[in-house]
C-alpha atoms as a PDB file:
ATOM      1  CA  UNK A   1     114.319 121.229 -28.853  1.00  0.00           C
ATOM      2  CA  UNK A   2     115.776 122.750 -31.494  1.00  0.00           C
ATOM      3  CA  UNK A   3     116.397 119.579 -33.542  1.00  0.00           C
ATOM      4  CA  UNK A   4     115.233 116.153 -33.793  1.00  0.00           C
ATOM      5  CA  UNK A   5     118.851 114.605 -33.214  1.00  0.00           C
ATOM      6  CA  UNK A   6     121.334 115.247 -30.835  1.00  0.00           C
ATOM      7  CA  UNK A   7     122.990 118.740 -30.798  1.00  0.00           C
ATOM      8  CA  UNK A   8     126.588 118.740 -29.115  1.00  0.00           C
ATOM      9  CA  UNK A   9     126.955 121.807 -26.861  1.00  0.00           C
ATOM     10  CA  UNK A  10     130.042 123.906 -26.912  1.00  0.00           C
ATOM     11  CA  UNK A  11     130.927 122.614 -23.385  1.00  0.00           C
ATOM     12  CA  UNK A  12     130.533 118.798 -24.343  1.00  0.00           C
ATOM     13  CA  UNK A  13     132.447 119.268 -27.304  1.00  0.00           C
ATOM     14  CA  UNK A  14     135.769 117.263 -28.299  1.00  0.00           C
ATOM     15  CA  UNK A  15     139.118 119.402 -29.509  1.00  0.00           C
ATOM     16  CA  UNK A  16     137.879 118.605 -33.285  1.00  0.00           C
ATOM     17  CA  UNK A  17     134.553 119.871 -32.214  1.00  0.00           C
ATOM     18  CA  UNK A  18     135.590 122.607 -30.872  1.00  0.00           C
ATOM     19  CA  UNK A  19     138.135 124.074 -33.653  1.00  0.00           C
ATOM     20  CA  UNK A  20     134.984 123.598 -36.086  1.00  0.00           C
ATOM     21  CA  UNK A  21     132.589 125.272 -33.865  1.00  0.00           C
ATOM     22  CA  UNK A  22     134.805 128.391 -33.479  1.00  0.00           C
ATOM     23  CA  UNK A  23     135.018 128.506 -37.349  1.00  0.00           C
ATOM     24  CA  UNK A  24     130.979 128.527 -37.693  1.00  0.00           C
ATOM     25  CA  UNK A  25     130.819 130.925 -35.008  1.00  0.00           C
ATOM     26  CA  UNK A  26     128.642 133.765 -36.614  1.00  0.00           C
ATOM     27  CA  UNK A  27     129.303 137.674 -35.696  1.00  0.00           C
ATOM     28  CA  UNK A  28     127.278 137.223 -32.723  1.00  0.00           C
ATOM     29  CA  UNK A  29     129.943 134.899 -31.735  1.00  0.00           C
ATOM     30  CA  UNK A  30     127.242 131.965 -31.539  1.00  0.00           C
ATOM     31  CA  UNK A  31     126.764 129.111 -33.257  1.00  0.00           C
ATOM     32  CA  UNK A  32     123.370 128.770 -35.262  1.00  0.00           C
ATOM     33  CA  UNK A  33     121.348 125.571 -34.926  1.00  0.00           C
ATOM     34  CA  UNK A  34     122.033 124.990 -38.826  1.00  0.00           C
ATOM     35  CA  UNK A  35     125.304 124.769 -37.980  1.00  0.00           C
ATOM     36  CA  UNK A  36     124.595 122.862 -34.643  1.00  0.00           C
ATOM     37  CA  UNK A  37     122.923 120.182 -35.887  1.00  0.00           C
ATOM     38  CA  UNK A  38     126.140 118.710 -37.669  1.00  0.00           C
ATOM     39  CA  UNK A  39     127.923 118.155 -34.315  1.00  0.00           C
ATOM     40  CA  UNK A  40     127.881 114.730 -34.217  1.00  0.00           C
ATOM     41  CA  UNK A  41     130.170 114.812 -37.678  1.00  0.00           C
ATOM     42  CA  UNK A  42     132.004 117.999 -37.891  1.00  0.00           C
ATOM     43  CA  UNK A  43     133.323 117.329 -41.227  1.00  0.00           C
ATOM     44  CA  UNK A  44     129.825 118.447 -42.397  1.00  0.00           C
ATOM     45  CA  UNK A  45     129.831 120.986 -40.678  1.00  0.00           C
ATOM     46  CA  UNK A  46     133.262 122.208 -41.883  1.00  0.00           C
ATOM     47  CA  UNK A  47     132.185 121.735 -45.356  1.00  0.00           C
ATOM     48  CA  UNK A  48     128.813 123.394 -45.055  1.00  0.00           C
ATOM     49  CA  UNK A  49     130.323 126.483 -43.480  1.00  0.00           C
ATOM     50  CA  UNK A  50     132.581 126.755 -46.233  1.00  0.00           C
ATOM     51  CA  UNK A  51     130.058 126.155 -48.789  1.00  0.00           C
ATOM     52  CA  UNK A  52     127.748 129.035 -47.158  1.00  0.00           C
ATOM     53  CA  UNK A  53     130.282 131.484 -46.735  1.00  0.00           C
ATOM     54  CA  UNK A  54     131.466 131.061 -50.307  1.00  0.00           C
ATOM     55  CA  UNK A  55     128.044 130.905 -51.976  1.00  0.00           C
ATOM     56  CA  UNK A  56     126.614 133.738 -49.942  1.00  0.00           C
ATOM     57  CA  UNK A  57     128.983 136.179 -47.852  1.00  0.00           C
ATOM     58  CA  UNK A  58     132.364 136.224 -50.279  1.00  0.00           C
ATOM     59  CA  UNK A  59     133.317 139.482 -51.256  1.00  0.00           C
ATOM     60  CA  UNK A  60     133.981 138.490 -54.776  1.00  0.00           C
ATOM     61  CA  UNK A  61     130.178 137.419 -55.436  1.00  0.00           C
ATOM     62  CA  UNK A  62     128.763 140.683 -57.335  1.00  0.00           C
ATOM     63  CA  UNK A  63     124.779 140.152 -57.247  1.00  0.00           C
ATOM     64  CA  UNK A  64     123.849 142.914 -54.417  1.00  0.00           C
ATOM     65  CA  UNK A  65     123.887 141.431 -50.655  1.00  0.00           C
ATOM     66  CA  UNK A  66     120.578 142.490 -50.661  1.00  0.00           C
ATOM     67  CA  UNK A  67     119.277 140.395 -53.718  1.00  0.00           C
ATOM     68  CA  UNK A  68     121.227 137.409 -52.709  1.00  0.00           C
ATOM     69  CA  UNK A  69     119.328 137.347 -49.396  1.00  0.00           C
ATOM     70  CA  UNK A  70     116.043 138.370 -51.330  1.00  0.00           C
ATOM     71  CA  UNK A  71     116.689 134.799 -53.449  1.00  0.00           C
ATOM     72  CA  UNK A  72     117.609 133.148 -50.670  1.00  0.00           C
ATOM     73  CA  UNK A  73     114.101 134.178 -48.750  1.00  0.00           C
ATOM     74  CA  UNK A  74     112.438 133.227 -52.144  1.00  0.00           C
ATOM     75  CA  UNK A  75     113.771 129.892 -51.987  1.00  0.00           C
ATOM     76  CA  UNK A  76     113.146 128.990 -48.572  1.00  0.00           C
ATOM     77  CA  UNK A  77     109.438 129.985 -49.219  1.00  0.00           C
ATOM     78  CA  UNK A  78     108.996 127.765 -52.191  1.00  0.00           C
ATOM     79  CA  UNK A  79     110.689 124.919 -50.058  1.00  0.00           C
ATOM     80  CA  UNK A  80     108.671 125.598 -46.964  1.00  0.00           C
ATOM     81  CA  UNK A  81     111.508 126.317 -44.898  1.00  0.00           C
ATOM     82  CA  UNK A  82     110.679 128.600 -41.988  1.00  0.00           C
ATOM     83  CA  UNK A  83     114.071 128.318 -40.299  1.00  0.00           C
ATOM     84  CA  UNK A  84     115.905 130.066 -43.820  1.00  0.00           C
ATOM     85  CA  UNK A  85     113.695 132.557 -44.058  1.00  0.00           C
ATOM     86  CA  UNK A  86     113.302 133.907 -40.950  1.00  0.00           C
ATOM     87  CA  UNK A  87     117.286 134.472 -41.166  1.00  0.00           C
ATOM     88  CA  UNK A  88     117.366 135.523 -44.406  1.00  0.00           C
ATOM     89  CA  UNK A  89     114.579 137.652 -44.380  1.00  0.00           C
ATOM     90  CA  UNK A  90     115.829 138.937 -41.663  1.00  0.00           C
ATOM     91  CA  UNK A  91     118.826 140.182 -43.560  1.00  0.00           C
ATOM     92  CA  UNK A  92     117.151 141.232 -46.789  1.00  0.00           C
ATOM     93  CA  UNK A  93     115.084 143.592 -45.008  1.00  0.00           C
ATOM     94  CA  UNK A  94     117.813 145.155 -43.360  1.00  0.00           C
ATOM     95  CA  UNK A  95     119.485 145.729 -46.402  1.00  0.00           C
ATOM     96  CA  UNK A  96     116.862 146.858 -48.299  1.00  0.00           C
ATOM     97  CA  UNK A  97     116.548 149.413 -45.585  1.00  0.00           C
ATOM     98  CA  UNK A  98     113.282 150.527 -46.551  1.00  0.00           C
ATOM     99  CA  UNK A  99     110.624 149.443 -45.077  1.00  0.00           C
ATOM    100  CA  UNK A 100     107.786 150.006 -48.353  1.00  0.00           C
ATOM    101  CA  UNK A 101     109.761 148.301 -50.173  1.00  0.00           C
ATOM    102  CA  UNK A 102     110.465 145.462 -48.093  1.00  0.00           C
ATOM    103  CA  UNK A 103     106.894 144.785 -47.198  1.00  0.00           C
ATOM    104  CA  UNK A 104     106.194 144.963 -51.165  1.00  0.00           C
ATOM    105  CA  UNK A 105     109.036 142.617 -51.585  1.00  0.00           C
ATOM    106  CA  UNK A 106     107.780 139.991 -48.806  1.00  0.00           C
ATOM    107  CA  UNK A 107     104.399 139.836 -50.064  1.00  0.00           C
ATOM    108  CA  UNK A 108     105.250 139.298 -53.940  1.00  0.00           C
ATOM    109  CA  UNK A 109     107.583 136.675 -52.708  1.00  0.00           C
ATOM    110  CA  UNK A 110     104.953 134.853 -50.593  1.00  0.00           C
ATOM    111  CA  UNK A 111     102.208 134.990 -53.302  1.00  0.00           C
ATOM    112  CA  UNK A 112     104.624 134.105 -56.421  1.00  0.00           C
ATOM    113  CA  UNK A 113     104.256 137.323 -58.040  1.00  0.00           C
ATOM    114  CA  UNK A 114     107.738 138.849 -58.161  1.00  0.00           C
ATOM    115  CA  UNK A 115     106.903 140.331 -61.366  1.00  0.00           C
ATOM    116  CA  UNK A 116     104.956 142.665 -59.206  1.00  0.00           C
ATOM    117  CA  UNK A 117     107.845 144.546 -57.847  1.00  0.00           C
ATOM    118  CA  UNK A 118     110.989 143.192 -59.463  1.00  0.00           C
ATOM    119  CA  UNK A 119     111.802 143.560 -64.007  1.00  0.00           C
ATOM    120  CA  UNK A 120     114.718 142.989 -65.856  1.00  0.00           C
ATOM    121  CA  UNK A 121     117.494 140.666 -64.864  1.00  0.00           C
ATOM    122  CA  UNK A 122     116.431 140.944 -60.817  1.00  0.00           C
ATOM    123  CA  UNK A 123     113.033 139.371 -61.955  1.00  0.00           C
ATOM    124  CA  UNK A 124     114.549 136.852 -64.719  1.00  0.00           C
ATOM    125  CA  UNK A 125     116.860 135.772 -61.676  1.00  0.00           C
ATOM    126  CA  UNK A 126     114.171 135.000 -59.373  1.00  0.00           C
ATOM    127  CA  UNK A 127     112.061 133.177 -62.413  1.00  0.00           C
ATOM    128  CA  UNK A 128     115.484 130.862 -62.821  1.00  0.00           C
ATOM    129  CA  UNK A 129     114.934 130.397 -58.658  1.00  0.00           C
ATOM    130  CA  UNK A 130     112.115 129.569 -58.776  1.00  0.00           C
ATOM    131  CA  UNK A 131     112.297 126.883 -61.887  1.00  0.00           C
ATOM    132  CA  UNK A 132     115.419 125.850 -59.966  1.00  0.00           C
ATOM    133  CA  UNK A 133     113.974 125.152 -57.054  1.00  0.00           C
ATOM    134  CA  UNK A 134     110.521 123.131 -57.859  1.00  0.00           C
ATOM    135  CA  UNK A 135     111.294 121.529 -61.412  1.00  0.00           C
ATOM    136  CA  UNK A 136     115.121 121.564 -61.327  1.00  0.00           C
ATOM    137  CA  UNK A 137     114.718 118.889 -64.047  1.00  0.00           C
ATOM    138  CA  UNK A 138     112.764 120.978 -66.201  1.00  0.00           C
ATOM    139  CA  UNK A 139     115.989 123.525 -66.815  1.00  0.00           C
ATOM    140  CA  UNK A 140     116.807 124.427 -69.706  1.00  0.00           C
ATOM    141  CA  UNK A 141     119.718 125.808 -72.100  1.00  0.00           C
ATOM    142  CA  UNK A 142     117.212 128.558 -72.463  1.00  0.00           C
ATOM    143  CA  UNK A 143     117.193 129.642 -68.936  1.00  0.00           C
ATOM    144  CA  UNK A 144     120.298 130.435 -68.724  1.00  0.00           C
ATOM    145  CA  UNK A 145     120.374 132.373 -72.321  1.00  0.00           C
ATOM    146  CA  UNK A 146     117.175 134.733 -70.545  1.00  0.00           C
ATOM    147  CA  UNK A 147     119.471 136.008 -68.085  1.00  0.00           C
ATOM    148  CA  UNK A 148     121.956 136.448 -70.303  1.00  0.00           C
ATOM    149  CA  UNK A 149     119.453 138.708 -72.343  1.00  0.00           C
ATOM    150  CA  UNK A 150     118.808 140.471 -69.016  1.00  0.00           C
ATOM    151  CA  UNK A 151     122.113 141.741 -68.512  1.00  0.00           C
ATOM    152  CA  UNK A 152     123.282 138.984 -66.033  1.00  0.00           C
ATOM    153  CA  UNK A 153     127.257 137.383 -66.976  1.00  0.00           C
ATOM    154  CA  UNK A 154     128.472 134.182 -66.218  1.00  0.00           C
ATOM    155  CA  UNK A 155     130.167 134.806 -63.229  1.00  0.00           C
ATOM    156  CA  UNK A 156     126.288 136.201 -61.889  1.00  0.00           C
ATOM    157  CA  UNK A 157     124.986 132.980 -63.229  1.00  0.00           C
ATOM    158  CA  UNK A 158     126.959 131.194 -61.133  1.00  0.00           C
ATOM    159  CA  UNK A 159     126.607 133.060 -58.206  1.00  0.00           C
ATOM    160  CA  UNK A 160     122.496 132.945 -58.647  1.00  0.00           C
ATOM    161  CA  UNK A 161     123.009 128.965 -59.256  1.00  0.00           C
ATOM    162  CA  UNK A 162     124.983 128.557 -56.311  1.00  0.00           C
ATOM    163  CA  UNK A 163     122.764 130.731 -54.147  1.00  0.00           C
ATOM    164  CA  UNK A 164     119.816 128.627 -55.418  1.00  0.00           C
ATOM    165  CA  UNK A 165     121.465 124.976 -55.103  1.00  0.00           C
ATOM    166  CA  UNK A 166     123.085 126.028 -51.517  1.00  0.00           C
ATOM    167  CA  UNK A 167     119.405 127.147 -50.209  1.00  0.00           C
ATOM    168  CA  UNK A 168     117.732 124.004 -51.715  1.00  0.00           C
ATOM    169  CA  UNK A 169     120.307 121.972 -49.966  1.00  0.00           C
ATOM    170  CA  UNK A 170     120.265 123.695 -46.400  1.00  0.00           C
ATOM    171  CA  UNK A 171     116.269 124.126 -46.516  1.00  0.00           C
ATOM    172  CA  UNK A 172     116.194 120.257 -46.677  1.00  0.00           C
ATOM    173  CA  UNK A 173     118.629 119.543 -44.381  1.00  0.00           C
ATOM    174  CA  UNK A 174     116.775 122.191 -41.921  1.00  0.00           C
ATOM    175  CA  UNK A 175     113.188 120.676 -42.819  1.00  0.00           C
ATOM    176  CA  UNK A 176     114.668 117.153 -42.388  1.00  0.00           C
ATOM    177  CA  UNK A 177     116.136 117.526 -39.602  1.00  0.00           C
ATOM    178  CA  UNK A 178     113.258 119.650 -37.640  1.00  0.00           C
ATOM    179  CA  UNK A 179     115.912 122.365 -36.863  1.00  0.00           C
ATOM    180  CA  UNK A 180     114.186 125.593 -35.338  1.00  0.00           C
ATOM    181  CA  UNK A 181     115.736 128.771 -34.441  1.00  0.00           C
ATOM    182  CA  UNK A 182     115.186 128.048 -30.439  1.00  0.00           C
ATOM    183  CA  UNK A 183     118.104 129.556 -28.861  1.00  0.00           C
ATOM    184  CA  UNK A 184     119.848 131.474 -32.050  1.00  0.00           C
ATOM    185  CA  UNK A 185     120.221 134.928 -32.550  1.00  0.00           C
ATOM    186  CA  UNK A 186     118.217 135.405 -35.967  1.00  0.00           C
ATOM    187  CA  UNK A 187     119.676 137.278 -38.375  1.00  0.00           C
ATOM    188  CA  UNK A 188     123.549 137.894 -40.001  1.00  0.00           C
ATOM    189  CA  UNK A 189     123.842 141.538 -38.785  1.00  0.00           C
ATOM    190  CA  UNK A 190     124.174 142.719 -35.190  1.00  0.00           C
ATOM    191  CA  UNK A 191     121.837 145.179 -34.102  1.00  0.00           C
ATOM    192  CA  UNK A 192     123.516 148.716 -33.896  1.00  0.00           C
END
């Protein structure tokens, strides 16, 4: 079972659902369980896929894609969300394209010591992500000032905030409905 609730297959989808399933298709041509779990309510799937692509796969984003995927993975580790971590760490490692570097980053994220491999703006972003994920009511203006002092512009801060917010949303969606990667093609990028 890929989730604790029913998910409608392509073959059994209404015309409305088929349109949204087509919108949600990955570069592999499949619909991952993270989207298919919405199949009983196509409008939430449509909203989810739109938010996902705006937060993480928008060409206007200026945070490097490998680091967007690293932040996504860190939030997923902090939330103990195996589904998102499996997908987004695979993406991060693919984009980092350096086995030793990606192994060092992964170890630092798991041990919650990003300072072991990051400094400057990247470290401040990971610290912001950790605090917003684990202690959202403790956020203060100084958290944003620290990002600015490290070199982040307001647009990058907004991008970071949206990535962290999105993954906190999706981690809870996945964990709360028992969604697994069973049947999914893991990772966004097609194999060469």
